[in-house]
Amino acid sequence: MTIDDFKPDTGEIINEAFKIRLNQTVIKILNNFDFSDANMCPAQVRATMFSDSSFDSVPSAAMVKGLYFENLALDLNRNIEIPLLKNGNKSVDYDRIEKQAEKFKQIAEDHDIVIQEKQLLIQAQYSENIDLFGTLDFVSSFRESNDVFHEKAIVDLKLTSNVFSTYGDYSWAFPMNMDHTQAFMYNELYKIKYGEDLPFFYMVFDYSPSMNYKIFKKHIGPTEKAQLHESIRMAIERIKYFDENGWIEIPRHDRCKDCPLKDTCSSFTNKRQVEII
């Protein structure tokens, strides 16, 4: 398995048909792009997120924490290099993450979770010209309540700074307001590949001093499936648009500072944007 197995394609014209391979990350980013208030840089996305690109995106501090938690909770035995303090010790955040990984294992027993597949990479044909792919954290049995038991469910592990956060893209205090493309996509992938319409659960842990956790079941009905189909359509339209008009540069300090294009990008900036309050 190569790194390209985890990256989508930008699409190509074959026999006058636009062939493309997408994952939920790119679908979400492109579908949510706002031309009037750009929340991402198309040039950076093009350079780091597609299979023919020579760069990889730099994982954020939050991403490293999430990978570390997932590695410990699921016993993946990956080599995750974490930042250390000047004295060589782990920070208190990482101490809490380790404790939360152990807590997950106890909670898994409480919910009769028996993992059948973990880090399951699925690629499936969505339509004649579109392939979808994604990596499911794990598929397992799951006890939803005393009266409801699932022989098989898709479960996604999440790590956040505080499960009671009320702001940002990952405000787990208000999960109904979040983008759930990932849940819809993984449900669709499994159904296409294996013919089973599985329930989807989030298990969300934080590394706040209280070390809280929440479990959510995401409802996926006809409306949610239609939302996924529209998101896929919109992402493809955006790719076609940028292919034809150029993957424009939209600089902003927080994006530019770790961008692999910063040494060659004519729009690079190290100045913070003035915020109007």
C-alpha atoms as a PDB file:
ATOM      1  CA  MET A   1       0.000   0.000   0.000  1.00  0.00           C
ATOM      2  CA  THR A   2       1.443   3.371  -1.049  1.00  0.00           C
ATOM      3  CA  ILE A   3       0.730   6.881   0.142  1.00  0.00           C
ATOM      4  CA  ASP A   4      -1.372   7.382  -2.997  1.00  0.00           C
ATOM      5  CA  ASP A   5      -3.890   4.847  -1.662  1.00  0.00           C
ATOM      6  CA  PHE A   6      -4.864   7.527   0.860  1.00  0.00           C
ATOM      7  CA  LYS A   7      -5.099  10.437  -1.609  1.00  0.00           C
ATOM      8  CA  PRO A   8      -7.801  11.243  -4.147  1.00  0.00           C
ATOM      9  CA  ASP A   9      -7.197  11.967  -7.819  1.00  0.00           C
ATOM     10  CA  THR A  10      -7.831  15.309  -9.469  1.00  0.00           C
ATOM     11  CA  GLY A  11      -9.748  13.594 -12.256  1.00  0.00           C
ATOM     12  CA  GLU A  12      -9.049  13.027 -15.917  1.00  0.00           C
ATOM     13  CA  ILE A  13     -11.023  12.922 -19.151  1.00  0.00           C
ATOM     14  CA  ILE A  14     -11.258   9.388 -20.563  1.00  0.00           C
ATOM     15  CA  ASN A  15     -13.436   8.847 -23.632  1.00  0.00           C
ATOM     16  CA  GLU A  16     -15.056  12.229 -22.993  1.00  0.00           C
ATOM     17  CA  ALA A  17     -16.005  11.179 -19.432  1.00  0.00           C
ATOM     18  CA  PHE A  18     -14.563  12.784 -16.283  1.00  0.00           C
ATOM     19  CA  LYS A  19     -13.108   9.936 -14.215  1.00  0.00           C
ATOM     20  CA  ILE A  20     -12.319  10.636 -10.593  1.00  0.00           C
ATOM     21  CA  ARG A  21     -11.487   9.031  -7.242  1.00  0.00           C
ATOM     22  CA  LEU A  22     -12.402  10.887  -4.042  1.00  0.00           C
ATOM     23  CA  ASN A  23     -12.244  10.600  -0.272  1.00  0.00           C
ATOM     24  CA  GLN A  24     -14.382  12.327   2.346  1.00  0.00           C
ATOM     25  CA  THR A  25     -11.678  14.826   3.298  1.00  0.00           C
ATOM     26  CA  VAL A  26     -11.485  16.432  -0.119  1.00  0.00           C
ATOM     27  CA  ILE A  27     -15.264  16.217  -0.624  1.00  0.00           C
ATOM     28  CA  LYS A  28     -15.785  18.082   2.643  1.00  0.00           C
ATOM     29  CA  ILE A  29     -13.145  20.744   1.957  1.00  0.00           C
ATOM     30  CA  LEU A  30     -14.292  21.502  -1.579  1.00  0.00           C
ATOM     31  CA  ASN A  31     -17.995  21.290  -0.834  1.00  0.00           C
ATOM     32  CA  ASN A  32     -17.626  23.809   1.999  1.00  0.00           C
ATOM     33  CA  PHE A  33     -15.416  26.238   0.039  1.00  0.00           C
ATOM     34  CA  ASP A  34     -16.831  29.757   0.099  1.00  0.00           C
ATOM     35  CA  PHE A  35     -15.649  32.041  -2.704  1.00  0.00           C
ATOM     36  CA  SER A  36     -16.770  35.143  -0.786  1.00  0.00           C
ATOM     37  CA  ASP A  37     -14.937  34.195   2.421  1.00  0.00           C
ATOM     38  CA  ALA A  38     -12.317  31.623   1.533  1.00  0.00           C
ATOM     39  CA  ASN A  39     -11.821  29.030   4.265  1.00  0.00           C
ATOM     40  CA  MET A  40      -9.023  27.239   2.412  1.00  0.00           C
ATOM     41  CA  CYS A  41      -6.370  27.880  -0.229  1.00  0.00           C
ATOM     42  CA  PRO A  42      -7.094  25.946  -3.460  1.00  0.00           C
ATOM     43  CA  ALA A  43      -3.408  26.003  -4.455  1.00  0.00           C
ATOM     44  CA  GLN A  44      -2.429  24.431  -1.125  1.00  0.00           C
ATOM     45  CA  VAL A  45      -5.154  21.784  -1.422  1.00  0.00           C
ATOM     46  CA  ARG A  46      -4.023  20.958  -4.961  1.00  0.00           C
ATOM     47  CA  ALA A  47      -0.391  20.695  -3.861  1.00  0.00           C
ATOM     48  CA  THR A  48      -0.892  18.487  -0.825  1.00  0.00           C
ATOM     49  CA  MET A  49      -4.072  16.451  -1.098  1.00  0.00           C
ATOM     50  CA  PHE A  50      -4.030  14.696  -4.469  1.00  0.00           C
ATOM     51  CA  SER A  51      -2.240  11.534  -5.561  1.00  0.00           C
ATOM     52  CA  ASP A  52      -0.108  13.191  -8.245  1.00  0.00           C
ATOM     53  CA  SER A  53       1.216  15.878  -5.885  1.00  0.00           C
ATOM     54  CA  SER A  54       4.795  15.844  -4.667  1.00  0.00           C
ATOM     55  CA  PHE A  55       4.046  17.356  -1.253  1.00  0.00           C
ATOM     56  CA  ASP A  56       2.346  16.090   1.862  1.00  0.00           C
ATOM     57  CA  SER A  57       0.398  18.324   4.186  1.00  0.00           C
ATOM     58  CA  VAL A  58       2.070  18.950   7.541  1.00  0.00           C
ATOM     59  CA  PRO A  59      -0.003  17.413  10.347  1.00  0.00           C
ATOM     60  CA  SER A  60      -1.180  19.966  12.861  1.00  0.00           C
ATOM     61  CA  ALA A  61      -0.567  19.581  16.590  1.00  0.00           C
ATOM     62  CA  ALA A  62      -4.183  18.462  16.982  1.00  0.00           C
ATOM     63  CA  MET A  63      -3.761  15.840  14.253  1.00  0.00           C
ATOM     64  CA  VAL A  64      -0.645  14.412  15.913  1.00  0.00           C
ATOM     65  CA  LYS A  65      -2.551  14.100  19.182  1.00  0.00           C
ATOM     66  CA  GLY A  66      -5.411  12.362  17.414  1.00  0.00           C
ATOM     67  CA  LEU A  67      -3.095   9.905  15.694  1.00  0.00           C
ATOM     68  CA  TYR A  68      -1.335   9.160  18.980  1.00  0.00           C
ATOM     69  CA  PHE A  69      -4.641   8.489  20.737  1.00  0.00           C
ATOM     70  CA  GLU A  70      -5.891   6.263  17.913  1.00  0.00           C
ATOM     71  CA  ASN A  71      -2.592   4.383  17.859  1.00  0.00           C
ATOM     72  CA  LEU A  72      -2.801   3.556  21.579  1.00  0.00           C
ATOM     73  CA  ALA A  73      -6.544   2.903  21.736  1.00  0.00           C
ATOM     74  CA  LEU A  74      -6.535   0.480  18.804  1.00  0.00           C
ATOM     75  CA  ASP A  75      -3.062  -1.028  19.417  1.00  0.00           C
ATOM     76  CA  LEU A  76      -1.927  -0.101  15.916  1.00  0.00           C
ATOM     77  CA  ASN A  77       1.794  -0.198  16.777  1.00  0.00           C
ATOM     78  CA  ARG A  78       2.577   2.768  14.563  1.00  0.00           C
ATOM     79  CA  ASN A  79       5.595   4.956  15.223  1.00  0.00           C
ATOM     80  CA  ILE A  80       3.995   8.283  16.161  1.00  0.00           C
ATOM     81  CA  GLU A  81       6.595  10.901  17.060  1.00  0.00           C
ATOM     82  CA  ILE A  82       5.189  13.296  19.636  1.00  0.00           C
ATOM     83  CA  PRO A  83       6.661  16.633  20.756  1.00  0.00           C
ATOM     84  CA  LEU A  84       8.403  16.618  24.108  1.00  0.00           C
ATOM     85  CA  LEU A  85       8.957  19.342  26.678  1.00  0.00           C
ATOM     86  CA  LYS A  86      12.412  20.878  27.100  1.00  0.00           C
ATOM     87  CA  ASN A  87      13.074  18.484  29.982  1.00  0.00           C
ATOM     88  CA  GLY A  88      12.344  15.529  27.705  1.00  0.00           C
ATOM     89  CA  ASN A  89       9.026  14.614  29.315  1.00  0.00           C
ATOM     90  CA  LYS A  90       5.615  14.384  27.708  1.00  0.00           C
ATOM     91  CA  SER A  91       3.222  17.262  28.254  1.00  0.00           C
ATOM     92  CA  VAL A  92       0.185  16.856  30.486  1.00  0.00           C
ATOM     93  CA  ASP A  93      -1.977  16.682  27.337  1.00  0.00           C
ATOM     94  CA  TYR A  94      -0.226  13.506  26.234  1.00  0.00           C
ATOM     95  CA  ASP A  95      -0.443  11.999  29.708  1.00  0.00           C
ATOM     96  CA  ARG A  96      -4.215  12.508  29.580  1.00  0.00           C
ATOM     97  CA  ILE A  97      -4.398  11.109  26.048  1.00  0.00           C
ATOM     98  CA  GLU A  98      -2.701   7.921  27.226  1.00  0.00           C
ATOM     99  CA  LYS A  99      -5.189   7.601  30.078  1.00  0.00           C
ATOM    100  CA  GLN A 100      -8.088   8.180  27.694  1.00  0.00           C
ATOM    101  CA  ALA A 101      -6.792   5.441  25.392  1.00  0.00           C
ATOM    102  CA  GLU A 102      -6.937   3.046  28.336  1.00  0.00           C
ATOM    103  CA  LYS A 103     -10.399   4.310  29.257  1.00  0.00           C
ATOM    104  CA  PHE A 104     -11.569   3.542  25.704  1.00  0.00           C
ATOM    105  CA  LYS A 105     -10.664  -0.102  26.202  1.00  0.00           C
ATOM    106  CA  GLN A 106     -12.803  -0.305  29.331  1.00  0.00           C
ATOM    107  CA  ILE A 107     -15.686   1.492  27.659  1.00  0.00           C
ATOM    108  CA  ALA A 108     -15.384  -0.906  24.725  1.00  0.00           C
ATOM    109  CA  GLU A 109     -16.070  -3.780  27.116  1.00  0.00           C
ATOM    110  CA  ASP A 110     -19.054  -1.927  28.581  1.00  0.00           C
ATOM    111  CA  HIS A 111     -20.570  -1.618  25.091  1.00  0.00           C
ATOM    112  CA  ASP A 112     -19.757  -5.198  24.047  1.00  0.00           C
ATOM    113  CA  ILE A 113     -17.388  -3.936  21.374  1.00  0.00           C
ATOM    114  CA  VAL A 114     -15.547  -6.775  19.676  1.00  0.00           C
ATOM    115  CA  ILE A 115     -13.487  -5.346  16.836  1.00  0.00           C
ATOM    116  CA  GLN A 116     -13.773  -7.323  13.608  1.00  0.00           C
ATOM    117  CA  GLU A 117     -11.797  -4.971  11.329  1.00  0.00           C
ATOM    118  CA  LYS A 118      -9.666  -1.961  12.157  1.00  0.00           C
ATOM    119  CA  GLN A 119      -8.179   0.676   9.851  1.00  0.00           C
ATOM    120  CA  LEU A 120     -10.253  -0.840   7.065  1.00  0.00           C
ATOM    121  CA  LEU A 121      -9.431   0.792   3.725  1.00  0.00           C
ATOM    122  CA  ILE A 122     -12.383   0.525   1.342  1.00  0.00           C
ATOM    123  CA  GLN A 123     -12.500   1.604  -2.280  1.00  0.00           C
ATOM    124  CA  ALA A 124     -15.802   1.221  -4.090  1.00  0.00           C
ATOM    125  CA  GLN A 125     -17.352   2.270  -7.384  1.00  0.00           C
ATOM    126  CA  TYR A 126     -19.929   4.963  -6.669  1.00  0.00           C
ATOM    127  CA  SER A 127     -20.928   5.412 -10.313  1.00  0.00           C
ATOM    128  CA  GLU A 128     -19.549   4.628 -13.743  1.00  0.00           C
ATOM    129  CA  ASN A 129     -17.085   7.508 -13.516  1.00  0.00           C
ATOM    130  CA  ILE A 130     -16.621   7.971  -9.766  1.00  0.00           C
ATOM    131  CA  ASP A 131     -14.756   5.847  -7.223  1.00  0.00           C
ATOM    132  CA  LEU A 132     -14.899   6.602  -3.514  1.00  0.00           C
ATOM    133  CA  PHE A 133     -12.469   5.468  -0.831  1.00  0.00           C
ATOM    134  CA  GLY A 134     -11.897   5.874   2.874  1.00  0.00           C
ATOM    135  CA  THR A 135     -10.343   4.255   5.926  1.00  0.00           C
ATOM    136  CA  LEU A 136     -12.770   3.221   8.675  1.00  0.00           C
ATOM    137  CA  ASP A 137     -11.328   3.293  12.195  1.00  0.00           C
ATOM    138  CA  PHE A 138     -13.005   0.015  13.041  1.00  0.00           C
ATOM    139  CA  VAL A 139     -16.004  -2.213  12.444  1.00  0.00           C
ATOM    140  CA  SER A 140     -17.288  -4.052  15.498  1.00  0.00           C
ATOM    141  CA  SER A 141     -20.248  -5.283  17.452  1.00  0.00           C
ATOM    142  CA  PHE A 142     -21.806  -2.489  19.520  1.00  0.00           C
ATOM    143  CA  ARG A 143     -24.296  -2.346  22.366  1.00  0.00           C
ATOM    144  CA  GLU A 144     -26.210   0.880  21.906  1.00  0.00           C
ATOM    145  CA  SER A 145     -28.377   0.346  25.002  1.00  0.00           C
ATOM    146  CA  ASN A 146     -29.637  -2.448  27.212  1.00  0.00           C
ATOM    147  CA  ASP A 147     -32.242  -3.284  24.588  1.00  0.00           C
ATOM    148  CA  VAL A 148     -30.348  -2.497  21.362  1.00  0.00           C
ATOM    149  CA  PHE A 149     -27.351  -4.534  20.237  1.00  0.00           C
ATOM    150  CA  HIS A 150     -25.728  -4.365  16.803  1.00  0.00           C
ATOM    151  CA  GLU A 151     -23.818  -7.364  15.511  1.00  0.00           C
ATOM    152  CA  LYS A 152     -21.881  -4.955  13.327  1.00  0.00           C
ATOM    153  CA  ALA A 153     -21.388  -1.178  13.322  1.00  0.00           C
ATOM    154  CA  ILE A 154     -18.964   1.410  11.961  1.00  0.00           C
ATOM    155  CA  VAL A 155     -17.209   3.273  14.768  1.00  0.00           C
ATOM    156  CA  ASP A 156     -15.045   6.366  14.427  1.00  0.00           C
ATOM    157  CA  LEU A 157     -12.730   7.496  17.226  1.00  0.00           C
ATOM    158  CA  LYS A 158     -12.347  11.232  17.793  1.00  0.00           C
ATOM    159  CA  LEU A 159     -10.051  13.214  20.076  1.00  0.00           C
ATOM    160  CA  THR A 160     -10.762  16.832  20.944  1.00  0.00           C
ATOM    161  CA  SER A 161      -9.566  19.348  23.489  1.00  0.00           C
ATOM    162  CA  ASN A 162     -12.988  19.521  25.159  1.00  0.00           C
ATOM    163  CA  VAL A 163     -16.134  17.566  24.306  1.00  0.00           C
ATOM    164  CA  PHE A 164     -18.211  20.462  25.649  1.00  0.00           C
ATOM    165  CA  SER A 165     -16.724  23.003  23.247  1.00  0.00           C
ATOM    166  CA  THR A 166     -19.334  25.300  21.714  1.00  0.00           C
ATOM    167  CA  TYR A 167     -17.313  26.861  18.894  1.00  0.00           C
ATOM    168  CA  GLY A 168     -15.319  25.888  15.807  1.00  0.00           C
ATOM    169  CA  ASP A 169     -15.705  23.072  13.283  1.00  0.00           C
ATOM    170  CA  TYR A 170     -15.569  20.440  16.038  1.00  0.00           C
ATOM    171  CA  SER A 171     -18.017  21.799  18.596  1.00  0.00           C
ATOM    172  CA  TRP A 172     -19.129  18.501  20.092  1.00  0.00           C
ATOM    173  CA  ALA A 173     -21.484  20.374  22.406  1.00  0.00           C
ATOM    174  CA  PHE A 174     -23.600  20.951  19.292  1.00  0.00           C
ATOM    175  CA  PRO A 175     -22.880  17.939  17.053  1.00  0.00           C
ATOM    176  CA  MET A 176     -26.083  18.527  15.076  1.00  0.00           C
ATOM    177  CA  ASN A 177     -24.426  21.647  13.606  1.00  0.00           C
ATOM    178  CA  MET A 178     -21.283  19.833  12.443  1.00  0.00           C
ATOM    179  CA  ASP A 179     -20.418  18.503   8.990  1.00  0.00           C
ATOM    180  CA  HIS A 180     -21.029  14.732   8.987  1.00  0.00           C
ATOM    181  CA  THR A 181     -19.821  13.920   5.475  1.00  0.00           C
ATOM    182  CA  GLN A 182     -17.494  11.319   6.990  1.00  0.00           C
ATOM    183  CA  ALA A 183     -20.345   9.369   8.597  1.00  0.00           C
ATOM    184  CA  PHE A 184     -22.446   9.457   5.422  1.00  0.00           C
ATOM    185  CA  MET A 185     -19.463   8.490   3.273  1.00  0.00           C
ATOM    186  CA  TYR A 186     -18.337   5.526   5.386  1.00  0.00           C
ATOM    187  CA  ASN A 187     -21.884   4.189   5.591  1.00  0.00           C
ATOM    188  CA  GLU A 188     -22.176   4.467   1.792  1.00  0.00           C
ATOM    189  CA  LEU A 189     -18.774   2.872   1.174  1.00  0.00           C
ATOM    190  CA  TYR A 190     -19.566  -0.145   3.336  1.00  0.00           C
ATOM    191  CA  LYS A 191     -22.978  -0.574   1.743  1.00  0.00           C
ATOM    192  CA  ILE A 192     -21.579  -0.429  -1.812  1.00  0.00           C
ATOM    193  CA  LYS A 193     -18.701  -2.781  -1.024  1.00  0.00           C
ATOM    194  CA  TYR A 194     -20.390  -5.323   1.256  1.00  0.00           C
ATOM    195  CA  GLY A 195     -24.126  -4.765   0.802  1.00  0.00           C
ATOM    196  CA  GLU A 196     -24.753  -3.920   4.468  1.00  0.00           C
ATOM    197  CA  ASP A 197     -26.272  -0.681   5.745  1.00  0.00           C
ATOM    198  CA  LEU A 198     -24.467  -0.336   9.076  1.00  0.00           C
ATOM    199  CA  PRO A 199     -25.157   2.106  11.918  1.00  0.00           C
ATOM    200  CA  PHE A 200     -22.459   4.708  12.530  1.00  0.00           C
ATOM    201  CA  PHE A 201     -21.138   5.760  15.939  1.00  0.00           C
ATOM    202  CA  TYR A 202     -18.686   8.432  17.070  1.00  0.00           C
ATOM    203  CA  MET A 203     -16.715   7.819  20.257  1.00  0.00           C
ATOM    204  CA  VAL A 204     -15.332  11.209  21.248  1.00  0.00           C
ATOM    205  CA  PHE A 205     -12.703  11.644  23.962  1.00  0.00           C
ATOM    206  CA  ASP A 206     -11.041  14.809  25.194  1.00  0.00           C
ATOM    207  CA  TYR A 207      -7.809  15.673  26.981  1.00  0.00           C
ATOM    208  CA  SER A 208      -9.276  18.354  29.222  1.00  0.00           C
ATOM    209  CA  PRO A 209      -8.478  18.077  32.960  1.00  0.00           C
ATOM    210  CA  SER A 210     -11.801  16.250  33.421  1.00  0.00           C
ATOM    211  CA  MET A 211     -10.983  13.734  30.648  1.00  0.00           C
ATOM    212  CA  ASN A 212     -14.568  13.435  29.425  1.00  0.00           C
ATOM    213  CA  TYR A 213     -16.023  11.364  26.631  1.00  0.00           C
ATOM    214  CA  LYS A 214     -19.259  11.179  24.631  1.00  0.00           C
ATOM    215  CA  ILE A 215     -20.776   8.598  22.318  1.00  0.00           C
ATOM    216  CA  PHE A 216     -23.027   9.606  19.437  1.00  0.00           C
ATOM    217  CA  LYS A 217     -25.031   7.593  16.952  1.00  0.00           C
ATOM    218  CA  LYS A 218     -25.397   9.489  13.676  1.00  0.00           C
ATOM    219  CA  HIS A 219     -28.783   9.075  12.044  1.00  0.00           C
ATOM    220  CA  ILE A 220     -28.354   8.302   8.344  1.00  0.00           C
ATOM    221  CA  GLY A 221     -31.618   8.294   6.438  1.00  0.00           C
ATOM    222  CA  PRO A 222     -32.716   9.329   2.928  1.00  0.00           C
ATOM    223  CA  THR A 223     -32.080  13.031   3.616  1.00  0.00           C
ATOM    224  CA  GLU A 224     -28.527  12.379   4.811  1.00  0.00           C
ATOM    225  CA  LYS A 225     -27.811  10.126   1.834  1.00  0.00           C
ATOM    226  CA  ALA A 226     -29.111  12.838  -0.520  1.00  0.00           C
ATOM    227  CA  GLN A 227     -26.827  15.309   1.251  1.00  0.00           C
ATOM    228  CA  LEU A 228     -23.834  13.056   0.549  1.00  0.00           C
ATOM    229  CA  HIS A 229     -24.747  12.742  -3.141  1.00  0.00           C
ATOM    230  CA  GLU A 230     -25.011  16.534  -3.413  1.00  0.00           C
ATOM    231  CA  SER A 231     -21.663  16.985  -1.627  1.00  0.00           C
ATOM    232  CA  ILE A 232     -19.976  14.616  -4.077  1.00  0.00           C
ATOM    233  CA  ARG A 233     -21.537  16.426  -7.030  1.00  0.00           C
ATOM    234  CA  MET A 234     -20.431  19.807  -5.690  1.00  0.00           C
ATOM    235  CA  ALA A 235     -16.865  18.621  -4.999  1.00  0.00           C
ATOM    236  CA  ILE A 236     -16.515  17.362  -8.571  1.00  0.00           C
ATOM    237  CA  GLU A 237     -17.842  20.648  -9.934  1.00  0.00           C
ATOM    238  CA  ARG A 238     -15.287  22.535  -7.833  1.00  0.00           C
ATOM    239  CA  ILE A 239     -12.445  20.320  -9.086  1.00  0.00           C
ATOM    240  CA  LYS A 240     -13.530  20.904 -12.682  1.00  0.00           C
ATOM    241  CA  TYR A 241     -13.759  24.640 -12.025  1.00  0.00           C
ATOM    242  CA  PHE A 242     -10.269  24.892 -10.534  1.00  0.00           C
ATOM    243  CA  ASP A 243      -8.791  22.642 -13.216  1.00  0.00           C
ATOM    244  CA  GLU A 244     -10.156  25.000 -15.861  1.00  0.00           C
ATOM    245  CA  ASN A 245      -9.548  28.321 -14.099  1.00  0.00           C
ATOM    246  CA  GLY A 246      -6.490  27.563 -12.013  1.00  0.00           C
ATOM    247  CA  TRP A 247      -6.059  26.458  -8.417  1.00  0.00           C
ATOM    248  CA  ILE A 248      -5.808  29.983  -7.105  1.00  0.00           C
ATOM    249  CA  GLU A 249      -3.704  31.131  -4.171  1.00  0.00           C
ATOM    250  CA  ILE A 250      -5.591  32.593  -1.218  1.00  0.00           C
ATOM    251  CA  PRO A 251      -2.975  33.531   1.386  1.00  0.00           C
ATOM    252  CA  ARG A 252      -3.575  33.743   5.098  1.00  0.00           C
ATOM    253  CA  HIS A 253      -1.020  33.577   7.882  1.00  0.00           C
ATOM    254  CA  ASP A 254      -2.374  30.463   9.589  1.00  0.00           C
ATOM    255  CA  ARG A 255      -2.400  28.580   6.275  1.00  0.00           C
ATOM    256  CA  CYS A 256       0.830  29.955   4.833  1.00  0.00           C
ATOM    257  CA  LYS A 257       3.130  29.394   7.824  1.00  0.00           C
ATOM    258  CA  ASP A 258       3.319  25.597   7.382  1.00  0.00           C
ATOM    259  CA  CYS A 259       2.504  25.392   3.669  1.00  0.00           C
ATOM    260  CA  PRO A 260       4.978  23.353   1.594  1.00  0.00           C
ATOM    261  CA  LEU A 261       4.629  25.954  -1.179  1.00  0.00           C
ATOM    262  CA  LYS A 262       5.730  28.887   0.981  1.00  0.00           C
ATOM    263  CA  ASP A 263       9.193  29.121  -0.625  1.00  0.00           C
ATOM    264  CA  THR A 264       7.802  29.353  -4.159  1.00  0.00           C
ATOM    265  CA  CYS A 265       4.317  30.827  -3.750  1.00  0.00           C
ATOM    266  CA  SER A 266       4.094  34.437  -4.951  1.00  0.00           C
ATOM    267  CA  SER A 267       1.203  35.083  -2.564  1.00  0.00           C
ATOM    268  CA  PHE A 268       2.900  33.821   0.612  1.00  0.00           C
ATOM    269  CA  THR A 269       2.369  36.045   3.624  1.00  0.00           C
ATOM    270  CA  ASN A 270       3.705  36.005   7.169  1.00  0.00           C
ATOM    271  CA  LYS A 271       1.394  38.812   8.245  1.00  0.00           C
ATOM    272  CA  ARG A 272      -1.689  38.134  10.289  1.00  0.00           C
ATOM    273  CA  GLN A 273      -5.000  39.311   8.906  1.00  0.00           C
ATOM    274  CA  VAL A 274      -6.613  42.275  10.655  1.00  0.00           C
ATOM    275  CA  GLU A 275      -9.840  41.074  12.244  1.00  0.00           C
ATOM    276  CA  ILE A 276     -12.840  43.368  12.415  1.00  0.00           C
ATOM    277  CA  ILE A 277     -14.678  43.141  15.744  1.00  0.00           C
END
